Amino acid sequence: MNRLIRYIFVGILFVLLFLVRGFATTLFYDPLIIYFQDDYLHTTLPEINTWHLIVSMFFRYVINTLISIGIIYLLFKRKEYVKFAVFFYMLAFMILILFFVFLIRDTFESGYLLPFYVRRFIIHPLFLLLLIPTFYFQQLNKK
């Protein structure tokens, strides 16, 4: 595949990530979006359907993960990078979602910042910002 075409596809995939973020409120159930946008230190935690929230976060995570893995593949064209990324994303989701469910059950008694950032790592493709430089550095070291 031509390098220019690969970069165009990478750009399209980044636009897809922005679209997932832009339409998140209409596509996914997440009462915490409004909660964290408002004055959450002085309001009570909204009523949360935990299973609905977990399933919604799972689908959003899967969509972001598939797009991110497509970006990684198009940028590096290395199957071992894709395999590592898939394993990393699966392991990260399992750890983060268990931790997040614990924090929801705790009704954020331990504070608001930790659940805010754990949720952020689940619903946003932040791991892509870590993996691209990691794989680039790995590729440079192999040459």
C-alpha atoms as a PDB file:
ATOM      1  CA  MET A   1       0.000   0.000   0.000  1.00  0.00           C
ATOM      2  CA  ASN A   2       1.277   3.402  -0.931  1.00  0.00           C
ATOM      3  CA  ARG A   3       2.548   5.494   1.991  1.00  0.00           C
ATOM      4  CA  LEU A   4       0.258   8.418   1.119  1.00  0.00           C
ATOM      5  CA  ILE A   5      -2.805   6.175   1.054  1.00  0.00           C
ATOM      6  CA  ARG A   6      -1.824   4.657   4.418  1.00  0.00           C
ATOM      7  CA  TYR A   7      -1.571   8.112   5.982  1.00  0.00           C
ATOM      8  CA  ILE A   8      -4.923   9.104   4.490  1.00  0.00           C
ATOM      9  CA  PHE A   9      -6.478   6.001   6.093  1.00  0.00           C
ATOM     10  CA  VAL A  10      -4.780   6.864   9.401  1.00  0.00           C
ATOM     11  CA  GLY A  11      -6.284  10.338   9.164  1.00  0.00           C
ATOM     12  CA  ILE A  12      -9.721   8.855   8.471  1.00  0.00           C
ATOM     13  CA  LEU A  13      -9.369   6.591  11.503  1.00  0.00           C
ATOM     14  CA  PHE A  14      -8.442   9.580  13.680  1.00  0.00           C
ATOM     15  CA  VAL A  15     -11.545  11.363  12.394  1.00  0.00           C
ATOM     16  CA  LEU A  16     -13.553   8.291  13.405  1.00  0.00           C
ATOM     17  CA  LEU A  17     -12.129   8.577  16.925  1.00  0.00           C
ATOM     18  CA  PHE A  18     -13.278  12.201  17.029  1.00  0.00           C
ATOM     19  CA  LEU A  19     -16.731  11.192  15.766  1.00  0.00           C
ATOM     20  CA  VAL A  20     -17.075   8.556  18.479  1.00  0.00           C
ATOM     21  CA  ARG A  21     -16.233  11.241  21.018  1.00  0.00           C
ATOM     22  CA  GLY A  22     -18.542  13.786  19.420  1.00  0.00           C
ATOM     23  CA  PHE A  23     -21.583  11.518  19.320  1.00  0.00           C
ATOM     24  CA  ALA A  24     -20.912   9.777  22.633  1.00  0.00           C
ATOM     25  CA  THR A  25     -23.829  11.364  24.445  1.00  0.00           C
ATOM     26  CA  THR A  26     -26.323  10.090  21.876  1.00  0.00           C
ATOM     27  CA  LEU A  27     -24.723   6.684  21.245  1.00  0.00           C
ATOM     28  CA  PHE A  28     -23.785   5.551  24.751  1.00  0.00           C
ATOM     29  CA  TYR A  29     -25.401   5.509  28.184  1.00  0.00           C
ATOM     30  CA  ASP A  30     -23.263   7.490  30.602  1.00  0.00           C
ATOM     31  CA  PRO A  31     -24.929   9.586  33.329  1.00  0.00           C
ATOM     32  CA  LEU A  32     -21.481  10.488  34.623  1.00  0.00           C
ATOM     33  CA  ILE A  33     -20.806  12.766  31.634  1.00  0.00           C
ATOM     34  CA  ILE A  34     -23.253  15.346  32.930  1.00  0.00           C
ATOM     35  CA  TYR A  35     -22.259  14.666  36.519  1.00  0.00           C
ATOM     36  CA  PHE A  36     -18.575  15.441  35.906  1.00  0.00           C
ATOM     37  CA  GLN A  37     -19.411  18.469  33.728  1.00  0.00           C
ATOM     38  CA  ASP A  38     -21.455  20.072  36.489  1.00  0.00           C
ATOM     39  CA  ASP A  39     -20.371  21.013  39.974  1.00  0.00           C
ATOM     40  CA  TYR A  40     -19.864  17.377  41.036  1.00  0.00           C
ATOM     41  CA  LEU A  41     -18.305  18.296  44.383  1.00  0.00           C
ATOM     42  CA  HIS A  42     -21.599  19.746  45.602  1.00  0.00           C
ATOM     43  CA  THR A  43     -24.154  17.464  43.936  1.00  0.00           C
ATOM     44  CA  THR A  44     -25.124  13.908  44.654  1.00  0.00           C
ATOM     45  CA  LEU A  45     -24.169  11.000  42.452  1.00  0.00           C
ATOM     46  CA  PRO A  46     -26.897  10.397  39.838  1.00  0.00           C
ATOM     47  CA  GLU A  47     -28.855   7.174  39.671  1.00  0.00           C
ATOM     48  CA  ILE A  48     -26.670   4.717  37.757  1.00  0.00           C
ATOM     49  CA  ASN A  49     -27.733   1.493  36.112  1.00  0.00           C
ATOM     50  CA  THR A  50     -24.402  -0.244  36.660  1.00  0.00           C
ATOM     51  CA  TRP A  51     -24.842  -3.039  34.108  1.00  0.00           C
ATOM     52  CA  HIS A  52     -26.081  -0.668  31.437  1.00  0.00           C
ATOM     53  CA  LEU A  53     -23.124   1.626  32.106  1.00  0.00           C
ATOM     54  CA  ILE A  54     -20.608  -1.249  31.970  1.00  0.00           C
ATOM     55  CA  VAL A  55     -22.038  -2.599  28.697  1.00  0.00           C
ATOM     56  CA  SER A  56     -22.067   0.880  27.194  1.00  0.00           C
ATOM     57  CA  MET A  57     -18.486   1.530  28.294  1.00  0.00           C
ATOM     58  CA  PHE A  58     -17.475  -1.875  26.908  1.00  0.00           C
ATOM     59  CA  PHE A  59     -18.902  -1.069  23.471  1.00  0.00           C
ATOM     60  CA  ARG A  60     -17.271   2.335  23.436  1.00  0.00           C
ATOM     61  CA  TYR A  61     -13.968   0.792  24.499  1.00  0.00           C
ATOM     62  CA  VAL A  62     -14.224  -1.867  21.775  1.00  0.00           C
ATOM     63  CA  ILE A  63     -14.966   0.727  19.084  1.00  0.00           C
ATOM     64  CA  ASN A  64     -12.046   2.902  20.201  1.00  0.00           C
ATOM     65  CA  THR A  65      -9.802  -0.163  20.454  1.00  0.00           C
ATOM     66  CA  LEU A  66     -10.606  -1.417  16.959  1.00  0.00           C
ATOM     67  CA  ILE A  67      -9.937   2.008  15.485  1.00  0.00           C
ATOM     68  CA  SER A  68      -6.706   2.331  17.509  1.00  0.00           C
ATOM     69  CA  ILE A  69      -5.483  -1.092  16.415  1.00  0.00           C
ATOM     70  CA  GLY A  70      -6.213  -0.111  12.809  1.00  0.00           C
ATOM     71  CA  ILE A  71      -4.092   3.008  13.291  1.00  0.00           C
ATOM     72  CA  ILE A  72      -1.259   0.995  14.828  1.00  0.00           C
ATOM     73  CA  TYR A  73      -1.361  -1.517  11.994  1.00  0.00           C
ATOM     74  CA  LEU A  74      -1.384   1.138   9.293  1.00  0.00           C
ATOM     75  CA  LEU A  75       1.440   3.097  10.890  1.00  0.00           C
ATOM     76  CA  PHE A  76       3.811   0.208  11.620  1.00  0.00           C
ATOM     77  CA  LYS A  77       2.658  -2.779   9.489  1.00  0.00           C
ATOM     78  CA  ARG A  78       3.916  -5.196  12.182  1.00  0.00           C
ATOM     79  CA  LYS A  79       1.754  -8.101  13.331  1.00  0.00           C
ATOM     80  CA  GLU A  80       3.612  -8.426  16.632  1.00  0.00           C
ATOM     81  CA  TYR A  81       2.725  -4.830  17.467  1.00  0.00           C
ATOM     82  CA  VAL A  82      -0.928  -5.548  16.720  1.00  0.00           C
ATOM     83  CA  LYS A  83      -0.852  -8.705  18.856  1.00  0.00           C
ATOM     84  CA  PHE A  84       0.727  -6.836  21.738  1.00  0.00           C
ATOM     85  CA  ALA A  85      -1.777  -3.998  21.405  1.00  0.00           C
ATOM     86  CA  VAL A  86      -4.732  -6.416  21.426  1.00  0.00           C
ATOM     87  CA  PHE A  87      -3.387  -8.154  24.537  1.00  0.00           C
ATOM     88  CA  PHE A  88      -2.628  -4.823  26.201  1.00  0.00           C
ATOM     89  CA  TYR A  89      -6.096  -3.422  25.469  1.00  0.00           C
ATOM     90  CA  MET A  90      -7.831  -6.566  26.761  1.00  0.00           C
ATOM     91  CA  LEU A  91      -5.804  -6.666  29.964  1.00  0.00           C
ATOM     92  CA  ALA A  92      -6.209  -2.921  30.546  1.00  0.00           C
ATOM     93  CA  PHE A  93      -9.974  -3.128  30.119  1.00  0.00           C
ATOM     94  CA  MET A  94     -10.334  -6.006  32.547  1.00  0.00           C
ATOM     95  CA  ILE A  95      -8.302  -4.224  35.210  1.00  0.00           C
ATOM     96  CA  LEU A  96      -9.877  -0.811  34.675  1.00  0.00           C
ATOM     97  CA  ILE A  97     -13.492  -1.980  34.537  1.00  0.00           C
ATOM     98  CA  LEU A  98     -13.139  -4.028  37.724  1.00  0.00           C
ATOM     99  CA  PHE A  99     -11.595  -1.064  39.470  1.00  0.00           C
ATOM    100  CA  PHE A 100     -14.275   1.273  38.120  1.00  0.00           C
ATOM    101  CA  VAL A 101     -17.114  -1.005  39.260  1.00  0.00           C
ATOM    102  CA  PHE A 102     -15.565  -1.085  42.721  1.00  0.00           C
ATOM    103  CA  LEU A 103     -15.425   2.719  42.741  1.00  0.00           C
ATOM    104  CA  ILE A 104     -19.071   2.980  41.646  1.00  0.00           C
ATOM    105  CA  ARG A 105     -20.145   0.521  44.350  1.00  0.00           C
ATOM    106  CA  ASP A 106     -18.182   2.627  46.813  1.00  0.00           C
ATOM    107  CA  THR A 107     -20.207   5.661  45.545  1.00  0.00           C
ATOM    108  CA  PHE A 108     -16.975   7.632  45.151  1.00  0.00           C
ATOM    109  CA  GLU A 109     -16.400   7.726  48.906  1.00  0.00           C
ATOM    110  CA  SER A 110     -12.648   7.667  48.341  1.00  0.00           C
ATOM    111  CA  GLY A 111     -12.812  10.814  46.207  1.00  0.00           C
ATOM    112  CA  TYR A 112     -13.850  11.978  42.771  1.00  0.00           C
ATOM    113  CA  LEU A 113     -10.586  12.234  40.857  1.00  0.00           C
ATOM    114  CA  LEU A 114      -9.752   8.532  40.776  1.00  0.00           C
ATOM    115  CA  PRO A 115     -13.099   7.430  39.278  1.00  0.00           C
ATOM    116  CA  PHE A 116     -12.960  10.381  36.878  1.00  0.00           C
ATOM    117  CA  TYR A 117      -9.591   9.327  35.483  1.00  0.00           C
ATOM    118  CA  VAL A 118     -10.293   5.591  35.474  1.00  0.00           C
ATOM    119  CA  ARG A 119     -13.467   6.301  33.501  1.00  0.00           C
ATOM    120  CA  ARG A 120     -11.501   8.552  31.180  1.00  0.00           C
ATOM    121  CA  PHE A 121      -9.017   5.769  30.397  1.00  0.00           C
ATOM    122  CA  ILE A 122     -11.917   3.448  29.604  1.00  0.00           C
ATOM    123  CA  ILE A 123     -13.964   5.738  27.377  1.00  0.00           C
ATOM    124  CA  HIS A 124     -11.205   7.639  25.568  1.00  0.00           C
ATOM    125  CA  PRO A 125      -8.416   6.185  23.393  1.00  0.00           C
ATOM    126  CA  LEU A 126      -5.628   7.423  25.677  1.00  0.00           C
ATOM    127  CA  PHE A 127      -3.658   4.199  25.362  1.00  0.00           C
ATOM    128  CA  LEU A 128      -3.100   5.013  21.692  1.00  0.00           C
ATOM    129  CA  LEU A 129      -1.106   8.054  22.812  1.00  0.00           C
ATOM    130  CA  LEU A 130       1.129   5.701  24.792  1.00  0.00           C
ATOM    131  CA  LEU A 131       1.447   2.894  22.277  1.00  0.00           C
ATOM    132  CA  ILE A 132       2.352   4.895  19.159  1.00  0.00           C
ATOM    133  CA  PRO A 133       5.517   6.436  20.673  1.00  0.00           C
ATOM    134  CA  THR A 134       6.375   3.096  22.303  1.00  0.00           C
ATOM    135  CA  PHE A 135       6.166   1.198  19.026  1.00  0.00           C
ATOM    136  CA  TYR A 136       7.999   3.973  17.176  1.00  0.00           C
ATOM    137  CA  PHE A 137      10.832   3.879  19.691  1.00  0.00           C
ATOM    138  CA  GLN A 138      10.904   0.063  19.490  1.00  0.00           C
ATOM    139  CA  GLN A 139      11.106   0.259  15.713  1.00  0.00           C
ATOM    140  CA  LEU A 140      13.982   2.741  15.883  1.00  0.00           C
ATOM    141  CA  ASN A 141      15.911   0.518  18.275  1.00  0.00           C
ATOM    142  CA  LYS A 142      15.570  -2.528  16.005  1.00  0.00           C
ATOM    143  CA  LYS A 143      17.171  -0.700  13.068  1.00  0.00           C
END
